Every structure is written in C-alpha cells, then in structure tokens.
Amino acid sequence: MTKLAPKTLAKRIVKIAWSKKAENIVLLDLKKISSMTDYFLVCSAGSDVQARVIAEAIIESLEDSGIKCSVEGLGASHWILIDCYCVVVHIFLPEVREFYGLERLWGDAKREEFSDDE
C-alpha cells in the first residue's frame, strides 16, 4: 500500500475531481477538531452520471497507486462517499449537498476552496 501524506493525497484527489469537472471543491481540515479523519473533501456534480464518473476516476487512480478505499453510495450517486482513511471524499448533487450541509456542520474546520486554475 502506497503511503502519501494526507494533504498530498487530498491535493491529488482535488486534481482528479477537477479533471472530471467537479464543482465547488472544498477541503475541510479536521485534524484539530476530530479524530475520525484528517480531511473532508467535498465537491458537487451536475448529475448522477457525473458523480459516478468523478468517483470512479478517483477510485481507479488511487487503486492504481496501491491506495485502498471504501466506497458508499455509488449505486444511487446522490451522495458518494470515498473513505481513504485520512481523507474522506464526499461527492454530492448540489441539492443533496445543501440539504446535509457538511460545511456548516463542520464550520469550525479550516477551509480551503479550489478554483479550476489550480
């Protein structure tokens, strides 16, 4: 299993998500406020199909590097969760993201937003 620093892994996932046109990518640093993971990476997809494409690209790239992840929600694709232990990726349809409000729930977390020129 390949070992990457959590922030390095998160940045790699951001690049993969951008390559598949993910929107509103936000990285929440949970290291100081939770013991469950170091980072939440939250992004939006315009459709169920796009959400699956983003998730599959992330999963495939990480598996190719020897990084194993657990995946939930790939079938329904309204909210796909990819748990890479130190980084947990949440891919949402916009209305589902708004409903669950992870960014509000984890409002104390340091927040980093990414634009498409990164």
PDB file of N, CA and C in Angstrom:
ATOM      1  N   MET A   1       0.838  -1.185   0.000  1.00  0.00           N
ATOM      2  CA  MET A   1       0.000   0.000   0.000  1.00  0.00           C
ATOM      3  C   MET A   1       0.877   1.240   0.000  1.00  0.00           C
ATOM      4  N   THR A   2       0.640   2.141  -0.938  1.00  0.00           N
ATOM      5  CA  THR A   2       1.388   3.380  -1.030  1.00  0.00           C
ATOM      6  C   THR A   2       0.949   4.317   0.078  1.00  0.00           C
ATOM      7  N   LYS A   3       1.897   4.967   0.710  1.00  0.00           N
ATOM      8  CA  LYS A   3       1.590   5.894   1.796  1.00  0.00           C
ATOM      9  C   LYS A   3       1.905   7.312   1.339  1.00  0.00           C
ATOM     10  N   LEU A   4       0.877   8.141   1.282  1.00  0.00           N
ATOM     11  CA  LEU A   4       1.043   9.554   0.968  1.00  0.00           C
ATOM     12  C   LEU A   4       0.642  10.357   2.193  1.00  0.00           C
ATOM     13  N   ALA A   5       1.272  11.500   2.376  1.00  0.00           N
ATOM     14  CA  ALA A   5       0.842  12.404   3.441  1.00  0.00           C
ATOM     15  C   ALA A   5      -0.612  12.786   3.164  1.00  0.00           C
ATOM     16  N   PRO A   6      -1.426  12.935   4.200  1.00  0.00           N
ATOM     17  CA  PRO A   6      -2.849  13.242   3.998  1.00  0.00           C
ATOM     18  C   PRO A   6      -3.093  14.454   3.103  1.00  0.00           C
ATOM     19  N   LYS A   7      -2.357  15.526   3.285  1.00  0.00           N
ATOM     20  CA  LYS A   7      -2.565  16.731   2.467  1.00  0.00           C
ATOM     21  C   LYS A   7      -2.182  16.470   1.013  1.00  0.00           C
ATOM     22  N   THR A   8      -1.121  15.711   0.793  1.00  0.00           N
ATOM     23  CA  THR A   8      -0.705  15.351  -0.562  1.00  0.00           C
ATOM     24  C   THR A   8      -1.780  14.512  -1.242  1.00  0.00           C
ATOM     25  N   LEU A   9      -2.329  13.555  -0.512  1.00  0.00           N
ATOM     26  CA  LEU A   9      -3.411  12.731  -1.047  1.00  0.00           C
ATOM     27  C   LEU A   9      -4.628  13.586  -1.372  1.00  0.00           C
ATOM     28  N   ALA A  10      -4.974  14.490  -0.481  1.00  0.00           N
ATOM     29  CA  ALA A  10      -6.135  15.367  -0.710  1.00  0.00           C
ATOM     30  C   ALA A  10      -5.939  16.210  -1.971  1.00  0.00           C
ATOM     31  N   LYS A  11      -4.768  16.785  -2.136  1.00  0.00           N
ATOM     32  CA  LYS A  11      -4.495  17.614  -3.325  1.00  0.00           C
ATOM     33  C   LYS A  11      -4.550  16.775  -4.601  1.00  0.00           C
ATOM     34  N   ARG A  12      -4.087  15.551  -4.505  1.00  0.00           N
ATOM     35  CA  ARG A  12      -4.154  14.652  -5.672  1.00  0.00           C
ATOM     36  C   ARG A  12      -5.607  14.377  -6.044  1.00  0.00           C
ATOM     37  N   ILE A  13      -6.435  14.141  -5.050  1.00  0.00           N
ATOM     38  CA  ILE A  13      -7.852  13.891  -5.305  1.00  0.00           C
ATOM     39  C   ILE A  13      -8.525  15.125  -5.883  1.00  0.00           C
ATOM     40  N   VAL A  14      -8.147  16.302  -5.411  1.00  0.00           N
ATOM     41  CA  VAL A  14      -8.691  17.551  -5.971  1.00  0.00           C
ATOM     42  C   VAL A  14      -8.414  17.608  -7.470  1.00  0.00           C
ATOM     43  N   LYS A  15      -7.201  17.303  -7.871  1.00  0.00           N
ATOM     44  CA  LYS A  15      -6.844  17.344  -9.299  1.00  0.00           C
ATOM     45  C   LYS A  15      -7.667  16.351 -10.118  1.00  0.00           C
ATOM     46  N   ILE A  16      -7.879  15.171  -9.561  1.00  0.00           N
ATOM     47  CA  ILE A  16      -8.685  14.168 -10.267  1.00  0.00           C
ATOM     48  C   ILE A  16     -10.123  14.664 -10.403  1.00  0.00           C
ATOM     49  N   ALA A  17     -10.674  15.190  -9.312  1.00  0.00           N
ATOM     50  CA  ALA A  17     -12.054  15.690  -9.345  1.00  0.00           C
ATOM     51  C   ALA A  17     -12.200  16.822 -10.362  1.00  0.00           C
ATOM     52  N   TRP A  18     -11.241  17.751 -10.390  1.00  0.00           N
ATOM     53  CA  TRP A  18     -11.293  18.845 -11.374  1.00  0.00           C
ATOM     54  C   TRP A  18     -11.229  18.310 -12.794  1.00  0.00           C
ATOM     55  N   SER A  19     -10.440  17.272 -12.998  1.00  0.00           N
ATOM     56  CA  SER A  19     -10.304  16.727 -14.354  1.00  0.00           C
ATOM     57  C   SER A  19     -11.628  16.166 -14.864  1.00  0.00           C
ATOM     58  N   LYS A  20     -12.528  15.840 -13.949  1.00  0.00           N
ATOM     59  CA  LYS A  20     -13.854  15.325 -14.315  1.00  0.00           C
ATOM     60  C   LYS A  20     -14.940  16.375 -14.096  1.00  0.00           C
ATOM     61  N   LYS A  21     -14.516  17.636 -13.995  1.00  0.00           N
ATOM     62  CA  LYS A  21     -15.430  18.795 -13.933  1.00  0.00           C
ATOM     63  C   LYS A  21     -16.247  18.883 -12.645  1.00  0.00           C
ATOM     64  N   ALA A  22     -15.709  18.388 -11.528  1.00  0.00           N
ATOM     65  CA  ALA A  22     -16.367  18.585 -10.240  1.00  0.00           C
ATOM     66  C   ALA A  22     -16.427  20.083  -9.958  1.00  0.00           C
ATOM     67  N   GLU A  23     -17.431  20.487  -9.209  1.00  0.00           N
ATOM     68  CA  GLU A  23     -17.622  21.913  -8.907  1.00  0.00           C
ATOM     69  C   GLU A  23     -17.567  22.154  -7.407  1.00  0.00           C
ATOM     70  N   ASN A  24     -17.264  23.403  -7.057  1.00  0.00           N
ATOM     71  CA  ASN A  24     -17.282  23.851  -5.656  1.00  0.00           C
ATOM     72  C   ASN A  24     -16.518  22.904  -4.738  1.00  0.00           C
ATOM     73  N   ILE A  25     -15.277  22.647  -5.082  1.00  0.00           N
ATOM     74  CA  ILE A  25     -14.448  21.738  -4.290  1.00  0.00           C
ATOM     75  C   ILE A  25     -13.935  22.469  -3.049  1.00  0.00           C
ATOM     76  N   VAL A  26     -14.187  21.860  -1.898  1.00  0.00           N
ATOM     77  CA  VAL A  26     -13.774  22.429  -0.619  1.00  0.00           C
ATOM     78  C   VAL A  26     -13.059  21.343   0.179  1.00  0.00           C
ATOM     79  N   LEU A  27     -11.930  21.723   0.767  1.00  0.00           N
ATOM     80  CA  LEU A  27     -11.180  20.818   1.627  1.00  0.00           C
ATOM     81  C   LEU A  27     -11.315  21.327   3.057  1.00  0.00           C
ATOM     82  N   LEU A  28     -11.851  20.486   3.934  1.00  0.00           N
ATOM     83  CA  LEU A  28     -12.016  20.829   5.338  1.00  0.00           C
ATOM     84  C   LEU A  28     -10.952  20.100   6.152  1.00  0.00           C
ATOM     85  N   ASP A  29     -10.156  20.855   6.887  1.00  0.00           N
ATOM     86  CA  ASP A  29      -9.091  20.296   7.719  1.00  0.00           C
ATOM     87  C   ASP A  29      -9.688  19.962   9.089  1.00  0.00           C
ATOM     88  N   LEU A  30      -9.820  18.673   9.372  1.00  0.00           N
ATOM     89  CA  LEU A  30     -10.450  18.227  10.612  1.00  0.00           C
ATOM     90  C   LEU A  30      -9.450  17.767  11.667  1.00  0.00           C
ATOM     91  N   LYS A  31      -8.163  17.884  11.385  1.00  0.00           N
ATOM     92  CA  LYS A  31      -7.139  17.318  12.273  1.00  0.00           C
ATOM     93  C   LYS A  31      -7.269  17.797  13.716  1.00  0.00           C
ATOM     94  N   LYS A  32      -7.595  19.065  13.916  1.00  0.00           N
ATOM     95  CA  LYS A  32      -7.649  19.616  15.270  1.00  0.00           C
ATOM     96  C   LYS A  32      -9.019  19.486  15.921  1.00  0.00           C
ATOM     97  N   ILE A  33     -10.026  19.049  15.163  1.00  0.00           N
ATOM     98  CA  ILE A  33     -11.371  19.012  15.742  1.00  0.00           C
ATOM     99  C   ILE A  33     -12.025  17.633  15.704  1.00  0.00           C
ATOM    100  N   SER A  34     -11.374  16.636  15.096  1.00  0.00           N
ATOM    101  CA  SER A  34     -11.955  15.303  15.023  1.00  0.00           C
ATOM    102  C   SER A  34     -10.849  14.258  14.927  1.00  0.00           C
ATOM    103  N   SER A  35     -11.116  13.098  15.489  1.00  0.00           N
ATOM    104  CA  SER A  35     -10.147  12.006  15.389  1.00  0.00           C
ATOM    105  C   SER A  35     -10.535  11.015  14.291  1.00  0.00           C
ATOM    106  N   MET A  36     -11.661  11.250  13.604  1.00  0.00           N
ATOM    107  CA  MET A  36     -12.125  10.276  12.605  1.00  0.00           C
ATOM    108  C   MET A  36     -11.330  10.321  11.306  1.00  0.00           C
ATOM    109  N   THR A  37     -10.851  11.485  10.900  1.00  0.00           N
ATOM    110  CA  THR A  37     -10.083  11.633   9.659  1.00  0.00           C
ATOM    111  C   THR A  37      -9.344  12.957   9.702  1.00  0.00           C
ATOM    112  N   ASP A  38      -8.393  13.140   8.808  1.00  0.00           N
ATOM    113  CA  ASP A  38      -7.672  14.405   8.740  1.00  0.00           C
ATOM    114  C   ASP A  38      -8.404  15.433   7.883  1.00  0.00           C
ATOM    115  N   TYR A  39      -8.995  14.973   6.775  1.00  0.00           N
ATOM    116  CA  TYR A  39      -9.629  15.898   5.835  1.00  0.00           C
ATOM    117  C   TYR A  39     -10.943  15.347   5.301  1.00  0.00           C
ATOM    118  N   PHE A  40     -11.882  16.252   5.093  1.00  0.00           N
ATOM    119  CA  PHE A  40     -13.067  16.000   4.268  1.00  0.00           C
ATOM    120  C   PHE A  40     -12.850  16.783   2.989  1.00  0.00           C
ATOM    121  N   LEU A  41     -13.030  16.141   1.864  1.00  0.00           N
ATOM    122  CA  LEU A  41     -13.033  16.825   0.579  1.00  0.00           C
ATOM    123  C   LEU A  41     -14.467  16.755   0.065  1.00  0.00           C
ATOM    124  N   VAL A  42     -15.084  17.907  -0.138  1.00  0.00           N
ATOM    125  CA  VAL A  42     -16.482  17.982  -0.542  1.00  0.00           C
ATOM    126  C   VAL A  42     -16.545  18.624  -1.923  1.00  0.00           C
ATOM    127  N   CYS A  43     -17.315  18.019  -2.826  1.00  0.00           N
ATOM    128  CA  CYS A  43     -17.494  18.605  -4.147  1.00  0.00           C
ATOM    129  C   CYS A  43     -18.879  18.282  -4.674  1.00  0.00           C
ATOM    130  N   SER A  44     -19.255  18.988  -5.725  1.00  0.00           N
ATOM    131  CA  SER A  44     -20.564  18.791  -6.350  1.00  0.00           C
ATOM    132  C   SER A  44     -20.409  18.284  -7.770  1.00  0.00           C
ATOM    133  N   ALA A  45     -21.435  17.537  -8.197  1.00  0.00           N
ATOM    134  CA  ALA A  45     -21.524  17.033  -9.573  1.00  0.00           C
ATOM    135  C   ALA A  45     -22.883  17.461 -10.120  1.00  0.00           C
ATOM    136  N   GLY A  46     -22.942  17.718 -11.415  1.00  0.00           N
ATOM    137  CA  GLY A  46     -24.165  18.191 -12.032  1.00  0.00           C
ATOM    138  C   GLY A  46     -25.230  17.137 -12.252  1.00  0.00           C
ATOM    139  N   SER A  47     -24.856  15.852 -12.169  1.00  0.00           N
ATOM    140  CA  SER A  47     -25.811  14.770 -12.402  1.00  0.00           C
ATOM    141  C   SER A  47     -25.311  13.503 -11.722  1.00  0.00           C
ATOM    142  N   ASP A  48     -26.207  12.504 -11.633  1.00  0.00           N
ATOM    143  CA  ASP A  48     -25.812  11.199 -11.096  1.00  0.00           C
ATOM    144  C   ASP A  48     -24.666  10.597 -11.895  1.00  0.00           C
ATOM    145  N   VAL A  49     -24.761  10.716 -13.207  1.00  0.00           N
ATOM    146  CA  VAL A  49     -23.726  10.150 -14.086  1.00  0.00           C
ATOM    147  C   VAL A  49     -22.384  10.820 -13.818  1.00  0.00           C
ATOM    148  N   GLN A  50     -22.374  12.144 -13.728  1.00  0.00           N
ATOM    149  CA  GLN A  50     -21.122  12.851 -13.472  1.00  0.00           C
ATOM    150  C   GLN A  50     -20.568  12.475 -12.093  1.00  0.00           C
ATOM    151  N   ALA A  51     -21.421  12.324 -11.108  1.00  0.00           N
ATOM    152  CA  ALA A  51     -20.958  11.932  -9.769  1.00  0.00           C
ATOM    153  C   ALA A  51     -20.249  10.577  -9.829  1.00  0.00           C
ATOM    154  N   ARG A  52     -20.831   9.633 -10.557  1.00  0.00           N
ATOM    155  CA  ARG A  52     -20.200   8.313 -10.706  1.00  0.00           C
ATOM    156  C   ARG A  52     -18.873   8.413 -11.452  1.00  0.00           C
ATOM    157  N   VAL A  53     -18.821   9.237 -12.488  1.00  0.00           N
ATOM    158  CA  VAL A  53     -17.581   9.412 -13.258  1.00  0.00           C
ATOM    159  C   VAL A  53     -16.478   9.982 -12.365  1.00  0.00           C
ATOM    160  N   ILE A  54     -16.808  10.989 -11.581  1.00  0.00           N
ATOM    161  CA  ILE A  54     -15.827  11.576 -10.661  1.00  0.00           C
ATOM    162  C   ILE A  54     -15.341  10.514  -9.677  1.00  0.00           C
ATOM    163  N   ALA A  55     -16.289   9.805  -9.066  1.00  0.00           N
ATOM    164  CA  ALA A  55     -15.933   8.782  -8.072  1.00  0.00           C
ATOM    165  C   ALA A  55     -15.076   7.687  -8.691  1.00  0.00           C
ATOM    166  N   GLU A  56     -15.479   7.188  -9.830  1.00  0.00           N
ATOM    167  CA  GLU A  56     -14.734   6.107 -10.469  1.00  0.00           C
ATOM    168  C   GLU A  56     -13.331   6.545 -10.859  1.00  0.00           C
ATOM    169  N   ALA A  57     -13.165   7.787 -11.294  1.00  0.00           N
ATOM    170  CA  ALA A  57     -11.833   8.289 -11.634  1.00  0.00           C
ATOM    171  C   ALA A  57     -10.945   8.354 -10.395  1.00  0.00           C
ATOM    172  N   ILE A  58     -11.504   8.809  -9.284  1.00  0.00           N
ATOM    173  CA  ILE A  58     -10.746   8.883  -8.031  1.00  0.00           C
ATOM    174  C   ILE A  58     -10.361   7.478  -7.580  1.00  0.00           C
ATOM    175  N   ILE A  59     -11.335   6.592  -7.540  1.00  0.00           N
ATOM    176  CA  ILE A  59     -11.092   5.220  -7.083  1.00  0.00           C
ATOM    177  C   ILE A  59     -10.043   4.529  -7.960  1.00  0.00           C
ATOM    178  N   GLU A  60     -10.191   4.636  -9.268  1.00  0.00           N
ATOM    179  CA  GLU A  60      -9.250   3.983 -10.186  1.00  0.00           C
ATOM    180  C   GLU A  60      -7.840   4.523 -10.025  1.00  0.00           C
ATOM    181  N   SER A  61      -7.708   5.838  -9.944  1.00  0.00           N
ATOM    182  CA  SER A  61      -6.380   6.427  -9.805  1.00  0.00           C
ATOM    183  C   SER A  61      -5.716   6.006  -8.493  1.00  0.00           C
ATOM    184  N   LEU A  62      -6.483   5.990  -7.420  1.00  0.00           N
ATOM    185  CA  LEU A  62      -5.912   5.609  -6.133  1.00  0.00           C
ATOM    186  C   LEU A  62      -5.554   4.120  -6.112  1.00  0.00           C
ATOM    187  N   GLU A  63      -6.432   3.282  -6.663  1.00  0.00           N
ATOM    188  CA  GLU A  63      -6.129   1.846  -6.721  1.00  0.00           C
ATOM    189  C   GLU A  63      -4.887   1.575  -7.550  1.00  0.00           C
ATOM    190  N   ASP A  64      -4.717   2.318  -8.657  1.00  0.00           N
ATOM    191  CA  ASP A  64      -3.519   2.170  -9.488  1.00  0.00           C
ATOM    192  C   ASP A  64      -2.249   2.505  -8.711  1.00  0.00           C
ATOM    193  N   SER A  65      -2.393   3.338  -7.684  1.00  0.00           N
ATOM    194  CA  SER A  65      -1.251   3.709  -6.841  1.00  0.00           C
ATOM    195  C   SER A  65      -1.147   2.848  -5.598  1.00  0.00           C
ATOM    196  N   GLY A  66      -2.011   1.838  -5.491  1.00  0.00           N
ATOM    197  CA  GLY A  66      -1.967   0.951  -4.341  1.00  0.00           C
ATOM    198  C   GLY A  66      -2.682   1.465  -3.115  1.00  0.00           C
ATOM    199  N   ILE A  67      -3.518   2.479  -3.281  1.00  0.00           N
ATOM    200  CA  ILE A  67      -4.269   3.047  -2.157  1.00  0.00           C
ATOM    201  C   ILE A  67      -5.673   2.469  -2.173  1.00  0.00           C
ATOM    202  N   LYS A  68      -6.041   1.788  -1.110  1.00  0.00           N
ATOM    203  CA  LYS A  68      -7.359   1.167  -0.995  1.00  0.00           C
ATOM    204  C   LYS A  68      -8.315   2.109  -0.276  1.00  0.00           C
ATOM    205  N   CYS A  69      -9.544   2.143  -0.765  1.00  0.00           N
ATOM    206  CA  CYS A  69     -10.576   2.988  -0.183  1.00  0.00           C
ATOM    207  C   CYS A  69     -11.871   2.205  -0.050  1.00  0.00           C
ATOM    208  N   SER A  70     -12.710   2.637   0.866  1.00  0.00           N
ATOM    209  CA  SER A  70     -14.061   2.101   0.978  1.00  0.00           C
ATOM    210  C   SER A  70     -15.001   3.072   0.283  1.00  0.00           C
ATOM    211  N   VAL A  71     -16.036   2.542  -0.376  1.00  0.00           N
ATOM    212  CA  VAL A  71     -16.944   3.382  -1.151  1.00  0.00           C
ATOM    213  C   VAL A  71     -18.379   3.081  -0.750  1.00  0.00           C
ATOM    214  N   GLU A  72     -19.167   4.134  -0.588  1.00  0.00           N
ATOM    215  CA  GLU A  72     -20.598   4.014  -0.299  1.00  0.00           C
ATOM    216  C   GLU A  72     -21.358   4.920  -1.261  1.00  0.00           C
ATOM    217  N   GLY A  73     -22.535   4.494  -1.682  1.00  0.00           N
ATOM    218  CA  GLY A  73     -23.429   5.344  -2.459  1.00  0.00           C
ATOM    219  C   GLY A  73     -23.195   5.372  -3.950  1.00  0.00           C
ATOM    220  N   LEU A  74     -22.326   4.525  -4.464  1.00  0.00           N
ATOM    221  CA  LEU A  74     -22.018   4.548  -5.890  1.00  0.00           C
ATOM    222  C   LEU A  74     -23.242   4.195  -6.732  1.00  0.00           C
ATOM    223  N   GLY A  75     -24.124   3.367  -6.214  1.00  0.00           N
ATOM    224  CA  GLY A  75     -25.321   2.968  -6.956  1.00  0.00           C
ATOM    225  C   GLY A  75     -26.312   4.095  -7.134  1.00  0.00           C
ATOM    226  N   ALA A  76     -26.638   4.797  -6.050  1.00  0.00           N
ATOM    227  CA  ALA A  76     -27.624   5.875  -6.112  1.00  0.00           C
ATOM    228  C   ALA A  76     -27.007   7.163  -6.669  1.00  0.00           C
ATOM    229  N   SER A  77     -25.779   7.445  -6.301  1.00  0.00           N
ATOM    230  CA  SER A  77     -24.985   8.563  -6.823  1.00  0.00           C
ATOM    231  C   SER A  77     -25.483   9.957  -6.466  1.00  0.00           C
ATOM    232  N   HIS A  78     -26.364  10.080  -5.474  1.00  0.00           N
ATOM    233  CA  HIS A  78     -26.740  11.415  -4.989  1.00  0.00           C
ATOM    234  C   HIS A  78     -25.699  11.930  -4.003  1.00  0.00           C
ATOM    235  N   TRP A  79     -25.121  11.001  -3.262  1.00  0.00           N
ATOM    236  CA  TRP A  79     -24.053  11.298  -2.307  1.00  0.00           C
ATOM    237  C   TRP A  79     -23.139  10.086  -2.306  1.00  0.00           C
ATOM    238  N   ILE A  80     -21.971  10.250  -2.889  1.00  0.00           N
ATOM    239  CA  ILE A  80     -20.983   9.170  -2.922  1.00  0.00           C
ATOM    240  C   ILE A  80     -19.897   9.509  -1.912  1.00  0.00           C
ATOM    241  N   LEU A  81     -19.577   8.558  -1.073  1.00  0.00           N
ATOM    242  CA  LEU A  81     -18.551   8.738  -0.060  1.00  0.00           C
ATOM    243  C   LEU A  81     -17.403   7.783  -0.366  1.00  0.00           C
ATOM    244  N   ILE A  82     -16.208   8.318  -0.437  1.00  0.00           N
ATOM    245  CA  ILE A  82     -14.999   7.522  -0.654  1.00  0.00           C
ATOM    246  C   ILE A  82     -14.108   7.732   0.566  1.00  0.00           C
ATOM    247  N   ASP A  83     -13.935   6.695   1.352  1.00  0.00           N
ATOM    248  CA  ASP A  83     -13.173   6.787   2.590  1.00  0.00           C
ATOM    249  C   ASP A  83     -11.771   6.240   2.362  1.00  0.00           C
ATOM    250  N   CYS A  84     -10.822   7.143   2.339  1.00  0.00           N
ATOM    251  CA  CYS A  84      -9.409   6.772   2.183  1.00  0.00           C
ATOM    252  C   CYS A  84      -8.689   6.880   3.528  1.00  0.00           C
ATOM    253  N   TYR A  85      -9.445   6.814   4.616  1.00  0.00           N
ATOM    254  CA  TYR A  85      -8.965   6.832   5.990  1.00  0.00           C
ATOM    255  C   TYR A  85      -8.496   8.213   6.425  1.00  0.00           C
ATOM    256  N   CYS A  86      -7.464   8.754   5.840  1.00  0.00           N
ATOM    257  CA  CYS A  86      -7.006  10.090   6.249  1.00  0.00           C
ATOM    258  C   CYS A  86      -7.701  11.196   5.445  1.00  0.00           C
ATOM    259  N   VAL A  87      -8.341  10.825   4.353  1.00  0.00           N
ATOM    260  CA  VAL A  87      -9.128  11.754   3.537  1.00  0.00           C
ATOM    261  C   VAL A  87     -10.447  11.061   3.208  1.00  0.00           C
ATOM    262  N   VAL A  88     -11.545  11.749   3.493  1.00  0.00           N
ATOM    263  CA  VAL A  88     -12.866  11.233   3.148  1.00  0.00           C
ATOM    264  C   VAL A  88     -13.468  12.172   2.111  1.00  0.00           C
ATOM    265  N   VAL A  89     -13.807  11.620   0.951  1.00  0.00           N
ATOM    266  CA  VAL A  89     -14.334  12.396  -0.163  1.00  0.00           C
ATOM    267  C   VAL A  89     -15.855  12.271  -0.175  1.00  0.00           C
ATOM    268  N   HIS A  90     -16.526  13.416  -0.314  1.00  0.00           N
ATOM    269  CA  HIS A  90     -17.987  13.454  -0.423  1.00  0.00           C
ATOM    270  C   HIS A  90     -18.322  14.093  -1.768  1.00  0.00           C
ATOM    271  N   ILE A  91     -18.970  13.344  -2.643  1.00  0.00           N
ATOM    272  CA  ILE A  91     -19.400  13.849  -3.946  1.00  0.00           C
ATOM    273  C   ILE A  91     -20.923  13.937  -3.901  1.00  0.00           C
ATOM    274  N   PHE A  92     -21.436  15.144  -4.044  1.00  0.00           N
ATOM    275  CA  PHE A  92     -22.868  15.390  -3.888  1.00  0.00           C
ATOM    276  C   PHE A  92     -23.486  15.945  -5.159  1.00  0.00           C
ATOM    277  N   LEU A  93     -24.772  15.680  -5.343  1.00  0.00           N
ATOM    278  CA  LEU A  93     -25.579  16.521  -6.222  1.00  0.00           C
ATOM    279  C   LEU A  93     -25.826  17.801  -5.419  1.00  0.00           C
ATOM    280  N   PRO A  94     -25.907  18.958  -6.074  1.00  0.00           N
ATOM    281  CA  PRO A  94     -25.988  20.229  -5.341  1.00  0.00           C
ATOM    282  C   PRO A  94     -27.103  20.291  -4.292  1.00  0.00           C
ATOM    283  N   GLU A  95     -28.297  19.808  -4.626  1.00  0.00           N
ATOM    284  CA  GLU A  95     -29.404  19.900  -3.670  1.00  0.00           C
ATOM    285  C   GLU A  95     -29.189  18.996  -2.454  1.00  0.00           C
ATOM    286  N   VAL A  96     -28.520  17.884  -2.635  1.00  0.00           N
ATOM    287  CA  VAL A  96     -28.222  16.973  -1.525  1.00  0.00           C
ATOM    288  C   VAL A  96     -27.125  17.583  -0.659  1.00  0.00           C
ATOM    289  N   ARG A  97     -26.152  18.199  -1.291  1.00  0.00           N
ATOM    290  CA  ARG A  97     -25.080  18.876  -0.547  1.00  0.00           C
ATOM    291  C   ARG A  97     -25.660  19.979   0.325  1.00  0.00           C
ATOM    292  N   GLU A  98     -26.550  20.746  -0.230  1.00  0.00           N
ATOM    293  CA  GLU A  98     -27.190  21.829   0.524  1.00  0.00           C
ATOM    294  C   GLU A  98     -28.001  21.262   1.694  1.00  0.00           C
ATOM    295  N   PHE A  99     -28.756  20.200   1.450  1.00  0.00           N
ATOM    296  CA  PHE A  99     -29.591  19.601   2.481  1.00  0.00           C
ATOM    297  C   PHE A  99     -28.775  19.123   3.679  1.00  0.00           C
ATOM    298  N   TYR A 100     -27.690  18.395   3.421  1.00  0.00           N
ATOM    299  CA  TYR A 100     -26.892  17.840   4.521  1.00  0.00           C
ATOM    300  C   TYR A 100     -25.924  18.839   5.132  1.00  0.00           C
ATOM    301  N   GLY A 101     -25.492  19.828   4.377  1.00  0.00           N
ATOM    302  CA  GLY A 101     -24.706  20.938   4.903  1.00  0.00           C
ATOM    303  C   GLY A 101     -23.454  20.546   5.680  1.00  0.00           C
ATOM    304  N   LEU A 102     -22.645  19.667   5.116  1.00  0.00           N
ATOM    305  CA  LEU A 102     -21.425  19.263   5.823  1.00  0.00           C
ATOM    306  C   LEU A 102     -20.524  20.451   6.150  1.00  0.00           C
ATOM    307  N   GLU A 103     -20.443  21.410   5.249  1.00  0.00           N
ATOM    308  CA  GLU A 103     -19.598  22.573   5.515  1.00  0.00           C
ATOM    309  C   GLU A 103     -20.109  23.371   6.716  1.00  0.00           C
ATOM    310  N   ARG A 104     -21.420  23.426   6.888  1.00  0.00           N
ATOM    311  CA  ARG A 104     -21.985  24.106   8.068  1.00  0.00           C
ATOM    312  C   ARG A 104     -21.764  23.262   9.323  1.00  0.00           C
ATOM    313  N   LEU A 105     -21.990  21.963   9.192  1.00  0.00           N
ATOM    314  CA  LEU A 105     -21.824  21.056  10.324  1.00  0.00           C
ATOM    315  C   LEU A 105     -20.394  21.092  10.862  1.00  0.00           C
ATOM    316  N   TRP A 106     -19.431  21.161   9.963  1.00  0.00           N
ATOM    317  CA  TRP A 106     -18.017  21.215  10.329  1.00  0.00           C
ATOM    318  C   TRP A 106     -17.487  22.644  10.168  1.00  0.00           C
ATOM    319  N   GLY A 107     -18.284  23.613  10.575  1.00  0.00           N
ATOM    320  CA  GLY A 107     -17.950  25.028  10.410  1.00  0.00           C
ATOM    321  C   GLY A 107     -16.695  25.477  11.130  1.00  0.00           C
ATOM    322  N   ASP A 108     -16.261  24.728  12.154  1.00  0.00           N
ATOM    323  CA  ASP A 108     -15.040  25.088  12.877  1.00  0.00           C
ATOM    324  C   ASP A 108     -13.778  24.646  12.153  1.00  0.00           C
ATOM    325  N   ALA A 109     -13.933  23.862  11.111  1.00  0.00           N
ATOM    326  CA  ALA A 109     -12.769  23.347  10.382  1.00  0.00           C
ATOM    327  C   ALA A 109     -12.147  24.437   9.515  1.00  0.00           C
ATOM    328  N   LYS A 110     -10.824  24.398   9.420  1.00  0.00           N
ATOM    329  CA  LYS A 110     -10.129  25.265   8.485  1.00  0.00           C
ATOM    330  C   LYS A 110     -10.571  24.855   7.087  1.00  0.00           C
ATOM    331  N   ARG A 111     -10.868  25.828   6.245  1.00  0.00           N
ATOM    332  CA  ARG A 111     -11.485  25.578   4.946  1.00  0.00           C
ATOM    333  C   ARG A 111     -10.582  26.085   3.827  1.00  0.00           C
ATOM    334  N   GLU A 112     -10.419  25.256   2.803  1.00  0.00           N
ATOM    335  CA  GLU A 112      -9.648  25.649   1.619  1.00  0.00           C
ATOM    336  C   GLU A 112     -10.510  25.359   0.398  1.00  0.00           C
ATOM    337  N   GLU A 113     -10.707  26.380  -0.435  1.00  0.00           N
ATOM    338  CA  GLU A 113     -11.513  26.223  -1.639  1.00  0.00           C
ATOM    339  C   GLU A 113     -10.582  26.194  -2.843  1.00  0.00           C
ATOM    340  N   PHE A 114     -11.009  25.488  -3.883  1.00  0.00           N
ATOM    341  CA  PHE A 114     -10.170  25.316  -5.065  1.00  0.00           C
ATOM    342  C   PHE A 114     -10.888  25.847  -6.288  1.00  0.00           C
ATOM    343  N   SER A 115     -10.136  26.563  -7.108  1.00  0.00           N
ATOM    344  CA  SER A 115     -10.673  27.051  -8.360  1.00  0.00           C
ATOM    345  C   SER A 115     -10.069  26.226  -9.500  1.00  0.00           C
ATOM    346  N   ASP A 116     -10.641  26.362 -10.679  1.00  0.00           N
ATOM    347  CA  ASP A 116     -10.209  25.496 -11.786  1.00  0.00           C
ATOM    348  C   ASP A 116      -8.830  25.821 -12.342  1.00  0.00           C
ATOM    349  N   ASP A 117      -8.166  26.834 -11.821  1.00  0.00           N
ATOM    350  CA  ASP A 117      -6.808  27.153 -12.299  1.00  0.00           C
ATOM    351  C   ASP A 117      -5.726  26.566 -11.394  1.00  0.00           C
ATOM    352  N   GLU A 118      -6.100  25.687 -10.471  1.00  0.00           N
ATOM    353  CA  GLU A 118      -5.121  25.095  -9.546  1.00  0.00           C
ATOM    354  C   GLU A 118      -4.473  23.877 -10.154  1.00  0.00           C
TER     355      GLU A 118
END
